[in-house]
Structure formats: structure tokens, C-alpha cells
């Protein structure tokens, strides 16, 4: 018997493979009928065989497609608005950093190397 089998290394590898597979499945979109993982773009679920409609990266039932598309669009719009607000919020501070803070740091470093670190 090989040494690595004695110390349980094969169990570790098998557990790691199973864990990686479960993580990959958890990141996949869920079927709206059975909740099982489904591949992006498939028209039928591999677990239950029901039809699936897609609104972007979101799986939904075929009858709810327009409703889900509207929700996806509104969420994307909210994300764009949130990003624009965040950018607008930090814009004055970016200007402050480059015009005021950064030159003062350079002056402080110059003073430190000139007067403190005198050899």
C-alpha cells in the first residue's frame, strides 16, 4: 500500500474535489421549478426537465419572462445610479487628495530625510 494512502491524502483530495464541485454548482443559476443548478442558456432543466426562460443571467418560468426582465432592467438601472452617486460622492475628495494632501506628504518626506535622517 502506498504511503500517501495510509495517511489519508487520497481522502483529502477526494474531499477537495467534491467541495470544488459543490462550489461550482452553487454559483450556477437555480432552476425556478426544482431549485437545482442549471447551465446558463439551457432551455430545459437537467434535473426536472421543465422549460426555463432566461432574462440575462436569471432563470425564470416562461410565463414570468417579461416580469423578470423588468426586474432585471430596474436592478441594472439602480446599480448604475448607485455607482454614479458613489463616484459623485468621492469626486471632491479625489481632488483634495491630489491638490492638497499629496504635496504636503512630499514636503513632509523631504523634511524628514533632510533634517531627521542626517548621517
PDB file of N, CA and C in Angstrom:
ATOM      1  N   UNK A   1       0.850  -1.183   0.000  1.00  0.00           N
ATOM      2  CA  UNK A   1       0.000   0.000   0.000  1.00  0.00           C
ATOM      3  C   UNK A   1       0.893   1.242   0.000  1.00  0.00           C
ATOM      4  N   UNK A   2       0.505   2.242  -0.792  1.00  0.00           N
ATOM      5  CA  UNK A   2       1.312   3.453  -0.879  1.00  0.00           C
ATOM      6  C   UNK A   2       1.209   4.252   0.413  1.00  0.00           C
ATOM      7  N   UNK A   3       2.259   5.016   0.656  1.00  0.00           N
ATOM      8  CA  UNK A   3       2.337   5.776   1.889  1.00  0.00           C
ATOM      9  C   UNK A   3       1.273   6.867   1.963  1.00  0.00           C
ATOM     10  N   UNK A   4       0.974   7.527   0.822  1.00  0.00           N
ATOM     11  CA  UNK A   4       0.007   8.617   0.841  1.00  0.00           C
ATOM     12  C   UNK A   4      -1.405   8.118   1.133  1.00  0.00           C
ATOM     13  N   UNK A   5      -1.682   6.843   0.814  1.00  0.00           N
ATOM     14  CA  UNK A   5      -2.993   6.288   1.138  1.00  0.00           C
ATOM     15  C   UNK A   5      -3.109   6.013   2.632  1.00  0.00           C
ATOM     16  N   UNK A   6      -1.989   5.669   3.247  1.00  0.00           N
ATOM     17  CA  UNK A   6      -2.007   5.386   4.678  1.00  0.00           C
ATOM     18  C   UNK A   6      -2.339   6.627   5.496  1.00  0.00           C
ATOM     19  N   UNK A   7      -1.844   7.760   5.068  1.00  0.00           N
ATOM     20  CA  UNK A   7      -2.041   8.979   5.839  1.00  0.00           C
ATOM     21  C   UNK A   7      -3.307   9.739   5.444  1.00  0.00           C
ATOM     22  N   UNK A   8      -4.132   9.185   4.585  1.00  0.00           N
ATOM     23  CA  UNK A   8      -5.411   9.800   4.259  1.00  0.00           C
ATOM     24  C   UNK A   8      -5.335  10.915   3.244  1.00  0.00           C
ATOM     25  N   UNK A   9      -4.246  10.989   2.490  1.00  0.00           N
ATOM     26  CA  UNK A   9      -4.122  12.053   1.498  1.00  0.00           C
ATOM     27  C   UNK A   9      -5.145  11.881   0.385  1.00  0.00           C
ATOM     28  N   UNK A  10      -5.475  10.639   0.053  1.00  0.00           N
ATOM     29  CA  UNK A  10      -6.462  10.416  -1.009  1.00  0.00           C
ATOM     30  C   UNK A  10      -7.833  10.918  -0.568  1.00  0.00           C
ATOM     31  N   UNK A  11      -8.158  10.743   0.714  1.00  0.00           N
ATOM     32  CA  UNK A  11      -9.429  11.276   1.221  1.00  0.00           C
ATOM     33  C   UNK A  11      -9.456  12.795   1.127  1.00  0.00           C
ATOM     34  N   UNK A  12      -8.324  13.415   1.423  1.00  0.00           N
ATOM     35  CA  UNK A  12      -8.236  14.865   1.318  1.00  0.00           C
ATOM     36  C   UNK A  12      -8.484  15.318  -0.117  1.00  0.00           C
ATOM     37  N   UNK A  13      -7.858  14.647  -1.083  1.00  0.00           N
ATOM     38  CA  UNK A  13      -8.049  15.012  -2.490  1.00  0.00           C
ATOM     39  C   UNK A  13      -9.493  14.800  -2.933  1.00  0.00           C
ATOM     40  N   UNK A  14     -10.084  13.682  -2.509  1.00  0.00           N
ATOM     41  CA  UNK A  14     -11.474  13.425  -2.876  1.00  0.00           C
ATOM     42  C   UNK A  14     -12.397  14.470  -2.256  1.00  0.00           C
ATOM     43  N   UNK A  15     -12.155  14.816  -0.995  1.00  0.00           N
ATOM     44  CA  UNK A  15     -12.978  15.832  -0.341  1.00  0.00           C
ATOM     45  C   UNK A  15     -12.825  17.186  -1.017  1.00  0.00           C
ATOM     46  N   UNK A  16     -11.605  17.504  -1.440  1.00  0.00           N
ATOM     47  CA  UNK A  16     -11.369  18.774  -2.126  1.00  0.00           C
ATOM     48  C   UNK A  16     -12.093  18.804  -3.466  1.00  0.00           C
ATOM     49  N   UNK A  17     -12.059  17.710  -4.209  1.00  0.00           N
ATOM     50  CA  UNK A  17     -12.764  17.648  -5.489  1.00  0.00           C
ATOM     51  C   UNK A  17     -14.268  17.789  -5.295  1.00  0.00           C
ATOM     52  N   UNK A  18     -14.803  17.125  -4.287  1.00  0.00           N
ATOM     53  CA  UNK A  18     -16.240  17.231  -4.012  1.00  0.00           C
ATOM     54  C   UNK A  18     -16.600  18.660  -3.616  1.00  0.00           C
ATOM     55  N   UNK A  19     -15.777  19.264  -2.777  1.00  0.00           N
ATOM     56  CA  UNK A  19     -16.030  20.636  -2.343  1.00  0.00           C
ATOM     57  C   UNK A  19     -15.988  21.604  -3.524  1.00  0.00           C
ATOM     58  N   UNK A  20     -14.995  21.448  -4.417  1.00  0.00           N
ATOM     59  CA  UNK A  20     -14.906  22.297  -5.601  1.00  0.00           C
ATOM     60  C   UNK A  20     -16.125  22.126  -6.501  1.00  0.00           C
ATOM     61  N   UNK A  21     -16.587  20.888  -6.645  1.00  0.00           N
ATOM     62  CA  UNK A  21     -17.769  20.623  -7.467  1.00  0.00           C
ATOM     63  C   UNK A  21     -19.015  21.279  -6.864  1.00  0.00           C
ATOM     64  N   UNK A  22     -19.162  21.194  -5.540  1.00  0.00           N
ATOM     65  CA  UNK A  22     -20.315  21.802  -4.875  1.00  0.00           C
ATOM     66  C   UNK A  22     -20.280  23.322  -4.979  1.00  0.00           C
ATOM     67  N   UNK A  23     -19.091  23.905  -4.885  1.00  0.00           N
ATOM     68  CA  UNK A  23     -18.957  25.354  -5.025  1.00  0.00           C
ATOM     69  C   UNK A  23     -19.314  25.775  -6.441  1.00  0.00           C
ATOM     70  N   UNK A  24     -18.861  25.005  -7.434  1.00  0.00           N
ATOM     71  CA  UNK A  24     -19.198  25.327  -8.825  1.00  0.00           C
ATOM     72  C   UNK A  24     -20.705  25.234  -9.049  1.00  0.00           C
ATOM     73  N   UNK A  25     -21.353  24.234  -8.450  1.00  0.00           N
ATOM     74  CA  UNK A  25     -22.799  24.101  -8.592  1.00  0.00           C
ATOM     75  C   UNK A  25     -23.542  25.221  -7.875  1.00  0.00           C
ATOM     76  N   UNK A  26     -23.014  25.678  -6.752  1.00  0.00           N
ATOM     77  CA  UNK A  26     -23.706  26.722  -6.005  1.00  0.00           C
ATOM     78  C   UNK A  26     -23.646  28.066  -6.720  1.00  0.00           C
ATOM     79  N   UNK A  27     -22.647  28.253  -7.590  1.00  0.00           N
ATOM     80  CA  UNK A  27     -22.533  29.508  -8.333  1.00  0.00           C
ATOM     81  C   UNK A  27     -23.382  29.517  -9.596  1.00  0.00           C
ATOM     82  N   UNK A  28     -23.948  28.385  -9.958  1.00  0.00           N
ATOM     83  CA  UNK A  28     -24.781  28.316 -11.161  1.00  0.00           C
ATOM     84  C   UNK A  28     -26.171  28.860 -10.858  1.00  0.00           C
ATOM     85  N   UNK A  29     -26.869  29.364 -11.893  1.00  0.00           N
ATOM     86  CA  UNK A  29     -28.247  29.809 -11.661  1.00  0.00           C
ATOM     87  C   UNK A  29     -29.141  28.635 -11.281  1.00  0.00           C
ATOM     88  N   UNK A  30     -30.155  28.917 -10.482  1.00  0.00           N
ATOM     89  CA  UNK A  30     -31.048  27.871  -9.998  1.00  0.00           C
ATOM     90  C   UNK A  30     -32.282  27.760 -10.896  1.00  0.00           C
ATOM     91  N   UNK A  31     -32.765  26.536 -11.046  1.00  0.00           N
ATOM     92  CA  UNK A  31     -33.987  26.274 -11.790  1.00  0.00           C
ATOM     93  C   UNK A  31     -35.173  26.846 -10.997  1.00  0.00           C
ATOM     94  N   UNK A  32     -36.084  27.577 -11.653  1.00  0.00           N
ATOM     95  CA  UNK A  32     -37.221  28.138 -10.914  1.00  0.00           C
ATOM     96  C   UNK A  32     -38.232  27.073 -10.487  1.00  0.00           C
ATOM     97  N   UNK A  33     -38.187  25.898 -11.084  1.00  0.00           N
ATOM     98  CA  UNK A  33     -39.148  24.837 -10.761  1.00  0.00           C
ATOM     99  C   UNK A  33     -38.650  23.963  -9.610  1.00  0.00           C
ATOM    100  N   UNK A  34     -37.423  23.444  -9.725  1.00  0.00           N
ATOM    101  CA  UNK A  34     -36.938  22.478  -8.721  1.00  0.00           C
ATOM    102  C   UNK A  34     -35.832  23.053  -7.833  1.00  0.00           C
ATOM    103  N   UNK A  35     -35.216  24.160  -8.224  1.00  0.00           N
ATOM    104  CA  UNK A  35     -34.151  24.754  -7.419  1.00  0.00           C
ATOM    105  C   UNK A  35     -32.787  24.143  -7.648  1.00  0.00           C
ATOM    106  N   UNK A  36     -32.683  23.213  -8.578  1.00  0.00           N
ATOM    107  CA  UNK A  36     -31.400  22.591  -8.869  1.00  0.00           C
ATOM    108  C   UNK A  36     -30.533  23.490  -9.734  1.00  0.00           C
ATOM    109  N   UNK A  37     -29.221  23.271  -9.725  1.00  0.00           N
ATOM    110  CA  UNK A  37     -28.337  24.088 -10.557  1.00  0.00           C
ATOM    111  C   UNK A  37     -28.569  23.802 -12.036  1.00  0.00           C
ATOM    112  N   UNK A  38     -28.580  24.844 -12.841  1.00  0.00           N
ATOM    113  CA  UNK A  38     -28.769  24.668 -14.282  1.00  0.00           C
ATOM    114  C   UNK A  38     -27.717  25.480 -15.022  1.00  0.00           C
ATOM    115  N   UNK A  39     -27.375  25.014 -16.187  1.00  0.00           N
ATOM    116  CA  UNK A  39     -26.375  25.694 -17.001  1.00  0.00           C
ATOM    117  C   UNK A  39     -26.996  26.926 -17.648  1.00  0.00           C
ATOM    118  N   UNK A  40     -26.188  27.954 -17.807  1.00  0.00           N
ATOM    119  CA  UNK A  40     -26.649  29.197 -18.402  1.00  0.00           C
ATOM    120  C   UNK A  40     -27.011  28.978 -19.866  1.00  0.00           C
ATOM    121  N   UNK A  41     -28.213  29.361 -20.252  1.00  0.00           N
ATOM    122  CA  UNK A  41     -28.642  29.284 -21.635  1.00  0.00           C
ATOM    123  C   UNK A  41     -29.407  28.028 -21.999  1.00  0.00           C
ATOM    124  N   UNK A  42     -29.448  27.026 -21.128  1.00  0.00           N
ATOM    125  CA  UNK A  42     -30.217  25.813 -21.427  1.00  0.00           C
ATOM    126  C   UNK A  42     -31.704  26.145 -21.394  1.00  0.00           C
ATOM    127  N   UNK A  43     -32.475  25.542 -22.278  1.00  0.00           N
ATOM    128  CA  UNK A  43     -33.908  25.804 -22.310  1.00  0.00           C
ATOM    129  C   UNK A  43     -34.694  24.838 -21.435  1.00  0.00           C
ATOM    130  N   UNK A  44     -34.073  23.746 -21.014  1.00  0.00           N
ATOM    131  CA  UNK A  44     -34.726  22.793 -20.116  1.00  0.00           C
ATOM    132  C   UNK A  44     -33.779  22.461 -18.968  1.00  0.00           C
ATOM    133  N   UNK A  45     -34.377  22.238 -17.807  1.00  0.00           N
ATOM    134  CA  UNK A  45     -33.597  21.879 -16.618  1.00  0.00           C
ATOM    135  C   UNK A  45     -33.118  20.434 -16.747  1.00  0.00           C
ATOM    136  N   UNK A  46     -31.865  20.189 -16.380  1.00  0.00           N
ATOM    137  CA  UNK A  46     -31.339  18.827 -16.466  1.00  0.00           C
ATOM    138  C   UNK A  46     -31.857  17.947 -15.330  1.00  0.00           C
ATOM    139  N   UNK A  47     -32.377  18.561 -14.257  1.00  0.00           N
ATOM    140  CA  UNK A  47     -32.868  17.790 -13.114  1.00  0.00           C
ATOM    141  C   UNK A  47     -34.337  17.403 -13.260  1.00  0.00           C
ATOM    142  N   UNK A  48     -35.202  18.377 -13.602  1.00  0.00           N
ATOM    143  CA  UNK A  48     -36.637  18.103 -13.623  1.00  0.00           C
ATOM    144  C   UNK A  48     -37.220  18.079 -15.040  1.00  0.00           C
ATOM    145  N   UNK A  49     -36.493  18.605 -16.030  1.00  0.00           N
ATOM    146  CA  UNK A  49     -36.966  18.565 -17.411  1.00  0.00           C
ATOM    147  C   UNK A  49     -37.950  19.666 -17.770  1.00  0.00           C
ATOM    148  N   UNK A  50     -38.221  20.602 -16.873  1.00  0.00           N
ATOM    149  CA  UNK A  50     -39.156  21.697 -17.157  1.00  0.00           C
ATOM    150  C   UNK A  50     -38.479  22.761 -18.022  1.00  0.00           C
ATOM    151  N   UNK A  51     -39.310  23.532 -18.757  1.00  0.00           N
ATOM    152  CA  UNK A  51     -38.777  24.607 -19.587  1.00  0.00           C
ATOM    153  C   UNK A  51     -38.315  25.765 -18.717  1.00  0.00           C
ATOM    154  N   UNK A  52     -37.234  26.414 -19.178  1.00  0.00           N
ATOM    155  CA  UNK A  52     -36.658  27.558 -18.477  1.00  0.00           C
ATOM    156  C   UNK A  52     -36.525  28.699 -19.469  1.00  0.00           C
ATOM    157  N   UNK A  53     -36.899  29.897 -19.052  1.00  0.00           N
ATOM    158  CA  UNK A  53     -36.667  31.109 -19.837  1.00  0.00           C
ATOM    159  C   UNK A  53     -35.560  31.906 -19.152  1.00  0.00           C
ATOM    160  N   UNK A  54     -34.821  32.686 -19.925  1.00  0.00           N
ATOM    161  CA  UNK A  54     -33.683  33.421 -19.391  1.00  0.00           C
ATOM    162  C   UNK A  54     -33.880  34.914 -19.598  1.00  0.00           C
ATOM    163  N   UNK A  55     -33.663  35.670 -18.537  1.00  0.00           N
ATOM    164  CA  UNK A  55     -33.643  37.132 -18.606  1.00  0.00           C
ATOM    165  C   UNK A  55     -32.250  37.555 -18.171  1.00  0.00           C
ATOM    166  N   UNK A  56     -31.353  37.697 -19.122  1.00  0.00           N
ATOM    167  CA  UNK A  56     -29.958  37.965 -18.779  1.00  0.00           C
ATOM    168  C   UNK A  56     -29.333  36.719 -18.185  1.00  0.00           C
ATOM    169  N   UNK A  57     -28.894  36.806 -16.942  1.00  0.00           N
ATOM    170  CA  UNK A  57     -28.303  35.660 -16.250  1.00  0.00           C
ATOM    171  C   UNK A  57     -29.269  35.055 -15.240  1.00  0.00           C
ATOM    172  N   UNK A  58     -30.534  35.433 -15.318  1.00  0.00           N
ATOM    173  CA  UNK A  58     -31.531  34.981 -14.347  1.00  0.00           C
ATOM    174  C   UNK A  58     -32.458  33.976 -15.009  1.00  0.00           C
ATOM    175  N   UNK A  59     -32.635  32.816 -14.371  1.00  0.00           N
ATOM    176  CA  UNK A  59     -33.547  31.795 -14.870  1.00  0.00           C
ATOM    177  C   UNK A  59     -34.934  32.058 -14.302  1.00  0.00           C
ATOM    178  N   UNK A  60     -35.964  31.880 -15.144  1.00  0.00           N
ATOM    179  CA  UNK A  60     -37.331  32.087 -14.679  1.00  0.00           C
ATOM    180  C   UNK A  60     -38.266  31.146 -15.441  1.00  0.00           C
ATOM    181  N   UNK A  61     -39.504  31.092 -14.988  1.00  0.00           N
ATOM    182  CA  UNK A  61     -40.518  30.312 -15.681  1.00  0.00           C
ATOM    183  C   UNK A  61     -40.907  31.064 -16.950  1.00  0.00           C
ATOM    184  N   UNK A  62     -41.253  30.353 -18.021  1.00  0.00           N
ATOM    185  CA  UNK A  62     -41.560  31.034 -19.286  1.00  0.00           C
ATOM    186  C   UNK A  62     -42.707  32.045 -19.182  1.00  0.00           C
ATOM    187  N   UNK A  63     -43.692  31.827 -18.335  1.00  0.00           N
ATOM    188  CA  UNK A  63     -44.800  32.765 -18.203  1.00  0.00           C
ATOM    189  C   UNK A  63     -44.429  34.053 -17.492  1.00  0.00           C
ATOM    190  N   UNK A  64     -43.343  34.047 -16.733  1.00  0.00           N
ATOM    191  CA  UNK A  64     -42.919  35.222 -15.955  1.00  0.00           C
ATOM    192  C   UNK A  64     -41.770  35.983 -16.604  1.00  0.00           C
ATOM    193  N   UNK A  65     -41.500  35.724 -17.861  1.00  0.00           N
ATOM    194  CA  UNK A  65     -40.315  36.288 -18.504  1.00  0.00           C
ATOM    195  C   UNK A  65     -40.346  37.813 -18.528  1.00  0.00           C
ATOM    196  N   UNK A  66     -41.455  38.411 -18.932  1.00  0.00           N
ATOM    197  CA  UNK A  66     -41.497  39.874 -19.034  1.00  0.00           C
ATOM    198  C   UNK A  66     -41.373  40.525 -17.664  1.00  0.00           C
ATOM    199  N   UNK A  67     -41.976  39.939 -16.655  1.00  0.00           N
ATOM    200  CA  UNK A  67     -41.894  40.463 -15.296  1.00  0.00           C
ATOM    201  C   UNK A  67     -40.454  40.422 -14.781  1.00  0.00           C
ATOM    202  N   UNK A  68     -39.776  39.307 -15.022  1.00  0.00           N
ATOM    203  CA  UNK A  68     -38.390  39.161 -14.571  1.00  0.00           C
ATOM    204  C   UNK A  68     -37.462  40.081 -15.360  1.00  0.00           C
ATOM    205  N   UNK A  69     -37.725  40.243 -16.656  1.00  0.00           N
ATOM    206  CA  UNK A  69     -36.906  41.167 -17.450  1.00  0.00           C
ATOM    207  C   UNK A  69     -37.025  42.588 -16.920  1.00  0.00           C
ATOM    208  N   UNK A  70     -38.240  42.992 -16.548  1.00  0.00           N
ATOM    209  CA  UNK A  70     -38.421  44.328 -15.977  1.00  0.00           C
ATOM    210  C   UNK A  70     -37.663  44.470 -14.661  1.00  0.00           C
ATOM    211  N   UNK A  71     -37.683  43.438 -13.834  1.00  0.00           N
ATOM    212  CA  UNK A  71     -36.935  43.488 -12.577  1.00  0.00           C
ATOM    213  C   UNK A  71     -35.435  43.570 -12.818  1.00  0.00           C
ATOM    214  N   UNK A  72     -34.957  42.810 -13.801  1.00  0.00           N
ATOM    215  CA  UNK A  72     -33.519  42.832 -14.117  1.00  0.00           C
ATOM    216  C   UNK A  72     -33.122  44.216 -14.610  1.00  0.00           C
ATOM    217  N   UNK A  73     -33.934  44.797 -15.494  1.00  0.00           N
ATOM    218  CA  UNK A  73     -33.634  46.148 -16.002  1.00  0.00           C
ATOM    219  C   UNK A  73     -33.639  47.180 -14.881  1.00  0.00           C
ATOM    220  N   UNK A  74     -34.640  47.095 -13.993  1.00  0.00           N
ATOM    221  CA  UNK A  74     -34.704  48.071 -12.901  1.00  0.00           C
ATOM    222  C   UNK A  74     -33.524  47.899 -11.956  1.00  0.00           C
ATOM    223  N   UNK A  75     -33.090  46.668 -11.711  1.00  0.00           N
ATOM    224  CA  UNK A  75     -31.930  46.448 -10.852  1.00  0.00           C
ATOM    225  C   UNK A  75     -30.656  46.990 -11.509  1.00  0.00           C
ATOM    226  N   UNK A  76     -30.513  46.791 -12.816  1.00  0.00           N
ATOM    227  CA  UNK A  76     -29.340  47.331 -13.511  1.00  0.00           C
ATOM    228  C   UNK A  76     -29.360  48.856 -13.463  1.00  0.00           C
ATOM    229  N   UNK A  77     -30.537  49.456 -13.629  1.00  0.00           N
ATOM    230  CA  UNK A  77     -30.668  50.908 -13.560  1.00  0.00           C
ATOM    231  C   UNK A  77     -30.301  51.402 -12.160  1.00  0.00           C
ATOM    232  N   UNK A  78     -30.777  50.714 -11.127  1.00  0.00           N
ATOM    233  CA  UNK A  78     -30.433  51.095  -9.749  1.00  0.00           C
ATOM    234  C   UNK A  78     -28.932  50.974  -9.506  1.00  0.00           C
ATOM    235  N   UNK A  79     -28.311  49.946 -10.063  1.00  0.00           N
ATOM    236  CA  UNK A  79     -26.864  49.783  -9.905  1.00  0.00           C
ATOM    237  C   UNK A  79     -26.104  50.919 -10.567  1.00  0.00           C
ATOM    238  N   UNK A  80     -26.558  51.330 -11.769  1.00  0.00           N
ATOM    239  CA  UNK A  80     -25.895  52.455 -12.447  1.00  0.00           C
ATOM    240  C   UNK A  80     -26.055  53.742 -11.647  1.00  0.00           C
ATOM    241  N   UNK A  81     -27.256  53.977 -11.099  1.00  0.00           N
ATOM    242  CA  UNK A  81     -27.495  55.178 -10.297  1.00  0.00           C
ATOM    243  C   UNK A  81     -26.639  55.147  -9.037  1.00  0.00           C
ATOM    244  N   UNK A  82     -26.574  53.994  -8.381  1.00  0.00           N
ATOM    245  CA  UNK A  82     -25.769  53.858  -7.173  1.00  0.00           C
ATOM    246  C   UNK A  82     -24.291  54.111  -7.468  1.00  0.00           C
ATOM    247  N   UNK A  83     -23.808  53.609  -8.588  1.00  0.00           N
ATOM    248  CA  UNK A  83     -22.411  53.815  -8.960  1.00  0.00           C
ATOM    249  C   UNK A  83     -22.144  55.286  -9.259  1.00  0.00           C
ATOM    250  N   UNK A  84     -23.080  55.946  -9.955  1.00  0.00           N
ATOM    251  CA  UNK A  84     -22.907  57.369 -10.260  1.00  0.00           C
ATOM    252  C   UNK A  84     -22.902  58.196  -8.979  1.00  0.00           C
ATOM    253  N   UNK A  85     -23.767  57.863  -8.023  1.00  0.00           N
ATOM    254  CA  UNK A  85     -23.786  58.590  -6.755  1.00  0.00           C
ATOM    255  C   UNK A  85     -22.496  58.378  -5.986  1.00  0.00           C
ATOM    256  N   UNK A  86     -21.991  57.155  -6.007  1.00  0.00           N
ATOM    257  CA  UNK A  86     -20.743  56.867  -5.315  1.00  0.00           C
ATOM    258  C   UNK A  86     -19.592  57.650  -5.932  1.00  0.00           C
ATOM    259  N   UNK A  87     -19.542  57.685  -7.264  1.00  0.00           N
ATOM    260  CA  UNK A  87     -18.485  58.445  -7.937  1.00  0.00           C
ATOM    261  C   UNK A  87     -18.597  59.930  -7.617  1.00  0.00           C
ATOM    262  N   UNK A  88     -19.834  60.443  -7.612  1.00  0.00           N
ATOM    263  CA  UNK A  88     -20.029  61.865  -7.322  1.00  0.00           C
ATOM    264  C   UNK A  88     -19.667  62.174  -5.874  1.00  0.00           C
ATOM    265  N   UNK A  89     -19.903  61.235  -4.976  1.00  0.00           N
ATOM    266  CA  UNK A  89     -19.607  61.445  -3.566  1.00  0.00           C
ATOM    267  C   UNK A  89     -18.107  61.565  -3.325  1.00  0.00           C
ATOM    268  N   UNK A  90     -17.293  60.763  -4.026  1.00  0.00           N
ATOM    269  CA  UNK A  90     -15.863  60.753  -3.784  1.00  0.00           C
ATOM    270  C   UNK A  90     -15.066  61.698  -4.657  1.00  0.00           C
ATOM    271  N   UNK A  91     -15.719  62.330  -5.629  1.00  0.00           N
ATOM    272  CA  UNK A  91     -15.005  63.212  -6.552  1.00  0.00           C
ATOM    273  C   UNK A  91     -14.309  64.379  -5.831  1.00  0.00           C
ATOM    274  N   UNK A  92     -14.973  65.103  -4.919  1.00  0.00           N
ATOM    275  CA  UNK A  92     -14.258  66.199  -4.238  1.00  0.00           C
ATOM    276  C   UNK A  92     -13.058  65.721  -3.424  1.00  0.00           C
ATOM    277  N   UNK A  93     -13.161  64.546  -2.833  1.00  0.00           N
ATOM    278  CA  UNK A  93     -12.058  64.033  -2.029  1.00  0.00           C
ATOM    279  C   UNK A  93     -10.878  63.619  -2.899  1.00  0.00           C
ATOM    280  N   UNK A  94     -11.162  63.129  -4.089  1.00  0.00           N
ATOM    281  CA  UNK A  94     -10.075  62.802  -5.004  1.00  0.00           C
ATOM    282  C   UNK A  94      -9.309  64.064  -5.376  1.00  0.00           C
ATOM    283  N   UNK A  95     -10.060  65.136  -5.640  1.00  0.00           N
ATOM    284  CA  UNK A  95      -9.421  66.404  -5.973  1.00  0.00           C
ATOM    285  C   UNK A  95      -8.601  66.889  -4.774  1.00  0.00           C
ATOM    286  N   UNK A  96      -9.155  66.791  -3.569  1.00  0.00           N
ATOM    287  CA  UNK A  96      -8.460  67.216  -2.349  1.00  0.00           C
ATOM    288  C   UNK A  96      -7.178  66.419  -2.172  1.00  0.00           C
ATOM    289  N   UNK A  97      -7.236  65.122  -2.432  1.00  0.00           N
ATOM    290  CA  UNK A  97      -6.066  64.281  -2.245  1.00  0.00           C
ATOM    291  C   UNK A  97      -4.927  64.730  -3.149  1.00  0.00           C
ATOM    292  N   UNK A  98      -5.207  64.941  -4.427  1.00  0.00           N
ATOM    293  CA  UNK A  98      -4.130  65.258  -5.354  1.00  0.00           C
ATOM    294  C   UNK A  98      -3.662  66.701  -5.247  1.00  0.00           C
ATOM    295  N   UNK A  99      -4.498  67.612  -4.831  1.00  0.00           N
ATOM    296  CA  UNK A  99      -4.090  69.020  -4.779  1.00  0.00           C
ATOM    297  C   UNK A  99      -3.517  69.441  -3.430  1.00  0.00           C
ATOM    298  N   UNK A 100      -4.000  68.837  -2.352  1.00  0.00           N
ATOM    299  CA  UNK A 100      -3.601  69.304  -1.026  1.00  0.00           C
ATOM    300  C   UNK A 100      -2.803  68.241  -0.269  1.00  0.00           C
ATOM    301  N   UNK A 101      -3.350  67.081  -0.155  1.00  0.00           N
ATOM    302  CA  UNK A 101      -2.748  66.062   0.701  1.00  0.00           C
ATOM    303  C   UNK A 101      -1.425  65.545   0.146  1.00  0.00           C
ATOM    304  N   UNK A 102      -1.385  65.187  -1.123  1.00  0.00           N
ATOM    305  CA  UNK A 102      -0.195  64.579  -1.698  1.00  0.00           C
ATOM    306  C   UNK A 102       1.011  65.522  -1.669  1.00  0.00           C
ATOM    307  N   UNK A 103       0.887  66.806  -2.057  1.00  0.00           N
ATOM    308  CA  UNK A 103       2.057  67.699  -1.938  1.00  0.00           C
ATOM    309  C   UNK A 103       2.523  67.868  -0.493  1.00  0.00           C
ATOM    310  N   UNK A 104       1.590  67.886   0.461  1.00  0.00           N
ATOM    311  CA  UNK A 104       2.013  68.026   1.860  1.00  0.00           C
ATOM    312  C   UNK A 104       2.784  66.793   2.322  1.00  0.00           C
ATOM    313  N   UNK A 105       2.415  65.620   1.816  1.00  0.00           N
ATOM    314  CA  UNK A 105       3.162  64.404   2.140  1.00  0.00           C
ATOM    315  C   UNK A 105       4.571  64.482   1.564  1.00  0.00           C
ATOM    316  N   UNK A 106       4.689  64.987   0.354  1.00  0.00           N
ATOM    317  CA  UNK A 106       6.022  65.129  -0.238  1.00  0.00           C
ATOM    318  C   UNK A 106       6.883  66.103   0.553  1.00  0.00           C
ATOM    319  N   UNK A 107       6.289  67.212   0.987  1.00  0.00           N
ATOM    320  CA  UNK A 107       7.044  68.184   1.790  1.00  0.00           C
ATOM    321  C   UNK A 107       7.473  67.556   3.110  1.00  0.00           C
ATOM    322  N   UNK A 108       6.584  66.816   3.736  1.00  0.00           N
ATOM    323  CA  UNK A 108       6.905  66.149   4.995  1.00  0.00           C
ATOM    324  C   UNK A 108       8.024  65.133   4.803  1.00  0.00           C
ATOM    325  N   UNK A 109       7.990  64.371   3.732  1.00  0.00           N
ATOM    326  CA  UNK A 109       9.062  63.412   3.453  1.00  0.00           C
ATOM    327  C   UNK A 109      10.388  64.117   3.207  1.00  0.00           C
ATOM    328  N   UNK A 110      10.350  65.206   2.456  1.00  0.00           N
ATOM    329  CA  UNK A 110      11.569  65.977   2.201  1.00  0.00           C
ATOM    330  C   UNK A 110      12.181  66.467   3.518  1.00  0.00           C
ATOM    331  N   UNK A 111      11.326  67.013   4.396  1.00  0.00           N
ATOM    332  CA  UNK A 111      11.804  67.495   5.693  1.00  0.00           C
ATOM    333  C   UNK A 111      12.384  66.349   6.520  1.00  0.00           C
ATOM    334  N   UNK A 112      11.715  65.224   6.530  1.00  0.00           N
ATOM    335  CA  UNK A 112      12.164  64.070   7.312  1.00  0.00           C
ATOM    336  C   UNK A 112      13.534  63.592   6.847  1.00  0.00           C
ATOM    337  N   UNK A 113      13.721  63.456   5.531  1.00  0.00           N
ATOM    338  CA  UNK A 113      15.009  62.977   5.027  1.00  0.00           C
ATOM    339  C   UNK A 113      16.111  64.014   5.183  1.00  0.00           C
ATOM    340  N   UNK A 114      15.756  65.290   5.148  1.00  0.00           N
ATOM    341  CA  UNK A 114      16.787  66.330   5.238  1.00  0.00           C
ATOM    342  C   UNK A 114      17.245  66.555   6.669  1.00  0.00           C
ATOM    343  N   UNK A 115      16.304  66.610   7.628  1.00  0.00           N
ATOM    344  CA  UNK A 115      16.664  67.001   8.987  1.00  0.00           C
ATOM    345  C   UNK A 115      16.681  65.854   9.995  1.00  0.00           C
ATOM    346  N   UNK A 116      15.920  64.815   9.767  1.00  0.00           N
ATOM    347  CA  UNK A 116      15.857  63.743  10.745  1.00  0.00           C
ATOM    348  C   UNK A 116      16.878  62.651  10.430  1.00  0.00           C
ATOM    349  N   UNK A 117      16.939  62.259   9.202  1.00  0.00           N
ATOM    350  CA  UNK A 117      17.877  61.190   8.818  1.00  0.00           C
ATOM    351  C   UNK A 117      19.214  61.761   8.352  1.00  0.00           C
ATOM    352  N   UNK A 118      19.805  62.551   9.164  1.00  0.00           N
ATOM    353  CA  UNK A 118      21.114  63.109   8.847  1.00  0.00           C
ATOM    354  C   UNK A 118      22.159  62.114   9.288  1.00  0.00           C
ATOM    355  N   UNK A 119      22.997  61.755   8.385  1.00  0.00           N
ATOM    356  CA  UNK A 119      24.020  60.753   8.707  1.00  0.00           C
ATOM    357  C   UNK A 119      25.289  61.404   9.170  1.00  0.00           C
TER     358      UNK A 119
END
